[in-house]
Amino acid sequence: MVVTKLMDLESHRSKTMVVESIESKLEEIKIINDKAIVTIAYQTKGMMLGNPIDGTFRYLRVWNLIPNGYNILPGSCTKIGS
């Protein structure tokens, strides 16, 4: 399922994203100039937009340093285990 950034944010606001349990493991952070590329794995259980979530997922996020903090540029999430 493709979930846009707006869909993701709205799912948290509207409470259609329900996390029953979550455990993370940082895999890697690479800093390139004003960008940080972060790879992290989550063991997650819950619901997202009416669909069950249960398994291990790898998240990739590219963060951009801006004057008052960071913002996310692209990101992805892929199920890697059950």
Protein backbone atom coordinates (compact mmCIF):
# COMPACT_ATOMS: atom_id res chain seq x y z
CA MET A 1 0.00 0.00 0.00
CA VAL A 2 1.33 3.43 -0.88
CA VAL A 3 0.77 5.91 1.97
CA THR A 4 1.58 9.53 1.28
CA LYS A 5 3.04 11.86 3.88
CA LEU A 6 -0.35 13.59 4.17
CA MET A 7 -2.11 10.23 4.68
CA ASP A 8 0.43 9.27 7.35
CA LEU A 9 0.06 12.55 9.24
CA GLU A 10 -3.74 12.45 9.00
CA SER A 11 -3.84 8.88 10.31
CA HIS A 12 -2.13 10.07 13.50
CA ARG A 13 -4.39 13.13 13.84
CA SER A 14 -7.60 11.15 13.28
CA LYS A 15 -6.46 8.21 15.44
CA THR A 16 -6.81 5.73 12.54
CA MET A 17 -3.19 4.78 13.27
CA VAL A 18 -3.30 2.68 16.43
CA VAL A 19 -0.04 1.27 17.77
CA GLU A 20 -0.46 -1.62 20.21
CA SER A 21 3.27 -2.31 20.52
CA ILE A 22 6.47 -1.05 18.93
CA GLU A 23 10.12 -1.87 19.44
CA SER A 24 12.87 -0.24 17.39
CA LYS A 25 16.45 -1.00 16.45
CA LEU A 26 18.60 1.70 14.89
CA GLU A 27 20.48 0.24 11.95
CA GLU A 28 22.41 3.14 10.43
CA ILE A 29 22.76 6.91 10.23
CA LYS A 30 24.75 8.52 7.41
CA ILE A 31 25.42 12.27 7.46
CA ILE A 32 26.03 13.92 4.08
CA ASN A 33 26.40 17.70 4.29
CA ASP A 34 23.06 18.99 5.71
CA LYS A 35 21.24 15.65 5.22
CA ALA A 36 20.94 12.59 7.45
CA ILE A 37 19.92 9.22 6.01
CA VAL A 38 18.45 7.05 8.76
CA THR A 39 17.62 3.35 8.55
CA ILE A 40 15.72 1.80 11.45
CA ALA A 41 13.81 -1.46 11.94
CA TYR A 42 10.59 -1.65 13.98
CA GLN A 43 8.76 -4.67 15.34
CA THR A 44 5.23 -3.23 15.23
CA LYS A 45 1.69 -4.34 15.98
CA GLY A 46 -1.44 -2.22 15.48
CA MET A 47 -3.78 -0.80 12.83
CA MET A 48 -3.22 1.74 10.02
CA LEU A 49 -6.12 3.10 7.99
CA GLY A 50 -8.23 0.05 8.93
CA ASN A 51 -5.52 -2.45 7.99
CA PRO A 52 -3.71 -4.63 10.53
CA ILE A 53 0.01 -4.07 11.04
CA ASP A 54 2.01 -6.94 12.51
CA GLY A 55 5.65 -7.67 11.75
CA THR A 56 9.06 -6.16 11.29
CA PHE A 57 9.35 -3.10 9.07
CA ARG A 58 12.39 -1.20 7.81
CA TYR A 59 12.02 2.56 7.67
CA LEU A 60 14.27 4.78 5.59
CA ARG A 61 14.08 8.52 6.17
CA VAL A 62 16.10 11.37 4.71
CA TRP A 63 16.21 14.33 7.08
CA ASN A 64 17.16 17.85 6.00
CA LEU A 65 18.77 20.32 8.42
CA ILE A 66 16.88 23.64 8.38
CA PRO A 67 17.44 26.76 10.51
CA ASN A 68 15.02 25.69 13.28
CA GLY A 69 15.56 21.90 13.25
CA TYR A 70 15.01 19.08 10.80
CA ASN A 71 12.32 18.05 8.35
CA ILE A 72 11.76 14.79 6.50
CA LEU A 73 12.34 14.76 2.77
CA PRO A 74 11.55 11.31 1.30
CA GLY A 75 10.86 8.21 3.33
CA SER A 76 9.79 4.63 2.89
CA CYS A 77 8.62 1.67 4.95
CA THR A 78 8.92 -1.95 3.86
CA LYS A 79 7.82 -5.09 5.68
CA ILE A 80 10.87 -7.33 6.18
CA GLY A 81 9.53 -10.00 8.55
CA SER A 82 6.42 -11.41 10.19
